[in-house]
């Protein structure tokens, strides 16, 4: 774990020497980390949809309620991905030169 942190610090140091500004490197790394939220959002929505399909298969009469709850849940979880995208865009386009 410590070796990995040392390697990351070395990479950031080398990148900041190339660009001449550690704020630029930090902004781009922060944008990448912010977009990891979209990855988690997609995984969560996939799991929710699979469980909804299983529930409809077990109880077809309740498919209307299940579909409504799934759509509301996916919409709520999608907001975290959108927030991550907004943060990434802000970080990329407001990096000091």
N, C-alpha and C. Protein backbone atom coordinates (compact mmCIF):
# COMPACT_ATOMS: atom_id res chain seq x y z
N UNK A 1 0.83 -1.19 0.00
CA UNK A 1 0.00 0.00 0.00
C UNK A 1 0.87 1.25 0.00
N UNK A 2 1.89 1.24 0.83
CA UNK A 2 2.79 2.40 0.90
C UNK A 2 3.54 2.58 -0.40
N UNK A 3 3.94 1.48 -1.02
CA UNK A 3 4.66 1.56 -2.30
C UNK A 3 3.77 2.16 -3.38
N UNK A 4 2.49 1.80 -3.37
CA UNK A 4 1.56 2.34 -4.36
C UNK A 4 1.40 3.84 -4.18
N UNK A 5 1.30 4.29 -2.94
CA UNK A 5 1.18 5.73 -2.67
C UNK A 5 2.44 6.48 -3.10
N UNK A 6 3.59 5.86 -2.89
CA UNK A 6 4.85 6.49 -3.31
C UNK A 6 4.89 6.58 -4.83
N UNK A 7 4.44 5.54 -5.53
CA UNK A 7 4.41 5.57 -6.99
C UNK A 7 3.45 6.64 -7.50
N UNK A 8 2.30 6.75 -6.87
CA UNK A 8 1.34 7.78 -7.27
C UNK A 8 1.93 9.17 -7.06
N UNK A 9 2.58 9.38 -5.92
CA UNK A 9 3.21 10.67 -5.66
C UNK A 9 4.30 10.97 -6.68
N UNK A 10 5.05 9.95 -7.08
CA UNK A 10 6.10 10.14 -8.08
C UNK A 10 5.50 10.51 -9.43
N UNK A 11 4.41 9.85 -9.81
CA UNK A 11 3.76 10.16 -11.08
C UNK A 11 3.23 11.58 -11.07
N UNK A 12 2.60 12.00 -9.97
CA UNK A 12 2.08 13.37 -9.87
C UNK A 12 3.22 14.36 -9.93
N UNK A 13 4.31 14.05 -9.28
CA UNK A 13 5.48 14.93 -9.32
C UNK A 13 6.02 15.07 -10.74
N UNK A 14 6.14 13.95 -11.44
CA UNK A 14 6.64 13.99 -12.82
C UNK A 14 5.69 14.75 -13.73
N UNK A 15 4.38 14.56 -13.56
CA UNK A 15 3.41 15.28 -14.38
C UNK A 15 3.44 16.77 -14.10
N UNK A 16 3.60 17.13 -12.84
CA UNK A 16 3.63 18.56 -12.51
C UNK A 16 4.88 19.22 -13.07
N UNK A 17 5.99 18.46 -13.16
CA UNK A 17 7.20 19.01 -13.78
C UNK A 17 6.99 19.22 -15.28
N UNK A 18 6.25 18.32 -15.92
CA UNK A 18 5.99 18.46 -17.35
C UNK A 18 5.08 19.64 -17.64
N UNK A 19 4.03 19.79 -16.85
CA UNK A 19 3.07 20.86 -17.11
C UNK A 19 3.49 22.17 -16.47
N UNK A 20 4.32 22.11 -15.45
CA UNK A 20 4.75 23.32 -14.77
C UNK A 20 3.78 23.81 -13.71
N UNK A 21 2.69 23.08 -13.50
CA UNK A 21 1.69 23.52 -12.54
C UNK A 21 1.02 22.30 -11.92
N UNK A 22 1.14 22.15 -10.62
CA UNK A 22 0.53 20.99 -9.95
C UNK A 22 -0.99 21.13 -9.89
N UNK A 23 -1.50 22.36 -10.00
CA UNK A 23 -2.95 22.56 -10.02
C UNK A 23 -3.59 21.93 -11.25
N UNK A 24 -2.88 21.98 -12.36
CA UNK A 24 -3.39 21.37 -13.58
C UNK A 24 -3.49 19.86 -13.42
N UNK A 25 -2.47 19.26 -12.88
CA UNK A 25 -2.46 17.81 -12.68
C UNK A 25 -3.56 17.42 -11.69
N UNK A 26 -3.67 18.18 -10.62
CA UNK A 26 -4.69 17.88 -9.63
C UNK A 26 -6.09 18.01 -10.18
N UNK A 27 -6.30 19.00 -11.05
CA UNK A 27 -7.62 19.18 -11.66
C UNK A 27 -8.01 18.02 -12.54
N UNK A 28 -7.06 17.56 -13.36
CA UNK A 28 -7.37 16.43 -14.24
C UNK A 28 -7.55 15.14 -13.45
N UNK A 29 -6.76 14.93 -12.42
CA UNK A 29 -6.94 13.74 -11.58
C UNK A 29 -8.28 13.80 -10.84
N UNK A 30 -8.63 14.99 -10.37
CA UNK A 30 -9.92 15.15 -9.69
C UNK A 30 -11.09 14.89 -10.61
N UNK A 31 -10.97 15.31 -11.87
CA UNK A 31 -12.03 15.05 -12.84
C UNK A 31 -12.18 13.56 -13.09
N UNK A 32 -11.06 12.85 -13.15
CA UNK A 32 -11.13 11.40 -13.33
C UNK A 32 -11.77 10.71 -12.14
N UNK A 33 -11.44 11.16 -10.96
CA UNK A 33 -12.04 10.57 -9.75
C UNK A 33 -13.52 10.89 -9.67
N UNK A 34 -13.90 12.10 -10.09
CA UNK A 34 -15.32 12.48 -10.06
C UNK A 34 -16.14 11.59 -11.00
N UNK A 35 -15.55 11.18 -12.10
CA UNK A 35 -16.28 10.34 -13.04
C UNK A 35 -16.38 8.89 -12.59
N UNK A 36 -15.66 8.53 -11.54
CA UNK A 36 -15.83 7.18 -10.99
C UNK A 36 -17.23 7.02 -10.40
N UNK A 37 -17.85 8.13 -10.03
CA UNK A 37 -19.23 8.07 -9.54
C UNK A 37 -20.19 7.58 -10.61
N UNK A 38 -19.92 7.93 -11.86
CA UNK A 38 -20.77 7.46 -12.94
C UNK A 38 -20.66 5.95 -13.11
N UNK A 39 -19.48 5.43 -12.88
CA UNK A 39 -19.29 3.99 -12.98
C UNK A 39 -20.12 3.27 -11.91
N UNK A 40 -20.06 3.77 -10.70
CA UNK A 40 -20.84 3.17 -9.62
C UNK A 40 -22.33 3.30 -9.86
N UNK A 41 -22.72 4.41 -10.44
CA UNK A 41 -24.13 4.65 -10.75
C UNK A 41 -24.62 3.63 -11.77
N UNK A 42 -23.83 3.38 -12.78
CA UNK A 42 -24.22 2.41 -13.81
C UNK A 42 -24.33 1.00 -13.27
N UNK A 43 -23.41 0.64 -12.39
CA UNK A 43 -23.47 -0.69 -11.78
C UNK A 43 -24.72 -0.84 -10.93
N UNK A 44 -25.01 0.20 -10.15
CA UNK A 44 -26.20 0.16 -9.29
C UNK A 44 -27.49 0.08 -10.09
N UNK A 45 -27.57 0.81 -11.18
CA UNK A 45 -28.78 0.76 -12.01
C UNK A 45 -28.94 -0.61 -12.67
N UNK A 46 -27.83 -1.20 -13.08
CA UNK A 46 -27.90 -2.54 -13.66
C UNK A 46 -28.41 -3.57 -12.66
N UNK A 47 -27.94 -3.47 -11.44
CA UNK A 47 -28.41 -4.39 -10.39
C UNK A 47 -29.89 -4.17 -10.11
N UNK A 48 -30.31 -2.89 -10.06
CA UNK A 48 -31.72 -2.59 -9.79
C UNK A 48 -32.62 -3.13 -10.90
N UNK A 49 -32.20 -2.98 -12.14
CA UNK A 49 -33.00 -3.49 -13.25
C UNK A 49 -33.08 -5.00 -13.25
N UNK A 50 -31.98 -5.66 -12.91
CA UNK A 50 -32.01 -7.12 -12.87
C UNK A 50 -32.94 -7.61 -11.77
N UNK A 51 -32.93 -6.95 -10.63
CA UNK A 51 -33.81 -7.35 -9.53
C UNK A 51 -35.28 -7.08 -9.88
N UNK A 52 -35.52 -5.99 -10.62
CA UNK A 52 -36.89 -5.70 -11.04
C UNK A 52 -37.39 -6.77 -12.01
N UNK A 53 -36.52 -7.20 -12.91
CA UNK A 53 -36.91 -8.28 -13.85
C UNK A 53 -37.21 -9.57 -13.09
N UNK A 54 -36.41 -9.87 -12.09
CA UNK A 54 -36.67 -11.06 -11.27
C UNK A 54 -38.00 -10.94 -10.55
N UNK A 55 -38.29 -9.74 -10.03
CA UNK A 55 -39.55 -9.54 -9.29
C UNK A 55 -40.75 -9.68 -10.21
N UNK A 56 -40.66 -9.16 -11.42
CA UNK A 56 -41.77 -9.29 -12.37
C UNK A 56 -41.95 -10.75 -12.77
N UNK A 57 -40.84 -11.47 -12.90
CA UNK A 57 -40.94 -12.89 -13.22
C UNK A 57 -41.62 -13.69 -12.12
N UNK A 58 -41.44 -13.29 -10.89
CA UNK A 58 -42.06 -14.00 -9.77
C UNK A 58 -43.50 -13.59 -9.54
N UNK A 59 -43.80 -12.29 -9.81
CA UNK A 59 -45.14 -11.77 -9.54
C UNK A 59 -45.56 -10.84 -10.68
N UNK A 60 -46.04 -11.39 -11.79
CA UNK A 60 -46.38 -10.57 -12.95
C UNK A 60 -47.51 -9.57 -12.69
N UNK A 61 -48.37 -9.84 -11.73
CA UNK A 61 -49.49 -8.93 -11.45
C UNK A 61 -49.00 -7.59 -10.90
N UNK A 62 -47.85 -7.58 -10.25
CA UNK A 62 -47.34 -6.35 -9.64
C UNK A 62 -46.35 -5.62 -10.55
N UNK A 63 -46.37 -5.93 -11.83
CA UNK A 63 -45.36 -5.35 -12.72
C UNK A 63 -45.48 -3.83 -12.83
N UNK A 64 -46.68 -3.28 -12.74
CA UNK A 64 -46.85 -1.82 -12.80
C UNK A 64 -46.17 -1.11 -11.64
N UNK A 65 -46.39 -1.62 -10.44
CA UNK A 65 -45.76 -1.02 -9.26
C UNK A 65 -44.24 -1.21 -9.28
N UNK A 66 -43.81 -2.38 -9.70
CA UNK A 66 -42.38 -2.67 -9.73
C UNK A 66 -41.69 -1.76 -10.75
N UNK A 67 -42.32 -1.59 -11.92
CA UNK A 67 -41.73 -0.75 -12.95
C UNK A 67 -41.65 0.70 -12.49
N UNK A 68 -42.69 1.18 -11.83
CA UNK A 68 -42.68 2.56 -11.33
C UNK A 68 -41.58 2.77 -10.31
N UNK A 69 -41.46 1.84 -9.37
CA UNK A 69 -40.42 1.97 -8.35
C UNK A 69 -39.02 1.88 -8.95
N UNK A 70 -38.86 1.03 -9.98
CA UNK A 70 -37.55 0.91 -10.62
C UNK A 70 -37.18 2.19 -11.34
N UNK A 71 -38.13 2.78 -12.05
CA UNK A 71 -37.84 4.02 -12.78
C UNK A 71 -37.51 5.15 -11.82
N UNK A 72 -38.24 5.26 -10.73
CA UNK A 72 -37.94 6.30 -9.73
C UNK A 72 -36.57 6.06 -9.11
N UNK A 73 -36.26 4.82 -8.78
CA UNK A 73 -34.96 4.51 -8.19
C UNK A 73 -33.81 4.78 -9.15
N UNK A 74 -33.99 4.44 -10.42
CA UNK A 74 -32.94 4.71 -11.41
C UNK A 74 -32.75 6.21 -11.61
N UNK A 75 -33.85 6.95 -11.60
CA UNK A 75 -33.74 8.40 -11.76
C UNK A 75 -33.00 9.03 -10.59
N UNK A 76 -33.28 8.56 -9.39
CA UNK A 76 -32.60 9.10 -8.21
C UNK A 76 -31.12 8.74 -8.23
N UNK A 77 -30.80 7.50 -8.60
CA UNK A 77 -29.39 7.11 -8.61
C UNK A 77 -28.63 7.77 -9.75
N UNK A 78 -29.31 8.13 -10.82
CA UNK A 78 -28.65 8.78 -11.95
C UNK A 78 -28.17 10.18 -11.58
N UNK A 79 -28.80 10.80 -10.59
CA UNK A 79 -28.39 12.16 -10.20
C UNK A 79 -26.95 12.17 -9.68
N UNK A 80 -26.51 11.10 -9.04
CA UNK A 80 -25.13 11.08 -8.56
C UNK A 80 -24.15 11.05 -9.73
N UNK A 81 -24.49 10.32 -10.79
CA UNK A 81 -23.65 10.32 -11.98
C UNK A 81 -23.62 11.67 -12.66
N UNK A 82 -24.75 12.35 -12.69
CA UNK A 82 -24.82 13.68 -13.31
C UNK A 82 -24.01 14.68 -12.48
N UNK A 83 -24.11 14.59 -11.16
CA UNK A 83 -23.31 15.48 -10.31
C UNK A 83 -21.82 15.25 -10.54
N UNK A 84 -21.41 14.00 -10.66
CA UNK A 84 -20.01 13.69 -10.93
C UNK A 84 -19.56 14.26 -12.27
N UNK A 85 -20.43 14.18 -13.28
CA UNK A 85 -20.10 14.75 -14.59
C UNK A 85 -19.96 16.26 -14.52
N UNK A 86 -20.84 16.91 -13.79
CA UNK A 86 -20.77 18.37 -13.65
C UNK A 86 -19.48 18.77 -12.95
N UNK A 87 -19.12 18.06 -11.89
CA UNK A 87 -17.88 18.37 -11.18
C UNK A 87 -16.68 18.16 -12.09
N UNK A 88 -16.68 17.07 -12.87
CA UNK A 88 -15.57 16.80 -13.79
C UNK A 88 -15.44 17.90 -14.83
N UNK A 89 -16.57 18.34 -15.40
CA UNK A 89 -16.53 19.41 -16.40
C UNK A 89 -16.02 20.70 -15.78
N UNK A 90 -16.49 21.02 -14.58
CA UNK A 90 -16.00 22.23 -13.90
C UNK A 90 -14.51 22.16 -13.63
N UNK A 91 -14.02 21.00 -13.21
CA UNK A 91 -12.60 20.85 -12.94
C UNK A 91 -11.77 20.99 -14.21
N UNK A 92 -12.24 20.42 -15.30
CA UNK A 92 -11.47 20.46 -16.53
C UNK A 92 -11.41 21.88 -17.11
N UNK A 93 -12.54 22.57 -17.10
CA UNK A 93 -12.59 23.86 -17.78
C UNK A 93 -12.27 25.05 -16.89
N UNK A 94 -12.05 24.83 -15.60
CA UNK A 94 -11.68 25.95 -14.72
C UNK A 94 -10.30 25.78 -14.13
N UNK A 95 -9.49 24.92 -14.74
CA UNK A 95 -8.13 24.70 -14.25
C UNK A 95 -7.30 25.94 -14.56
N UNK A 96 -6.61 26.47 -13.57
CA UNK A 96 -5.76 27.63 -13.86
C UNK A 96 -4.59 27.26 -14.77
N UNK A 97 -4.28 28.13 -15.69
CA UNK A 97 -3.19 27.85 -16.63
C UNK A 97 -1.85 28.26 -16.08
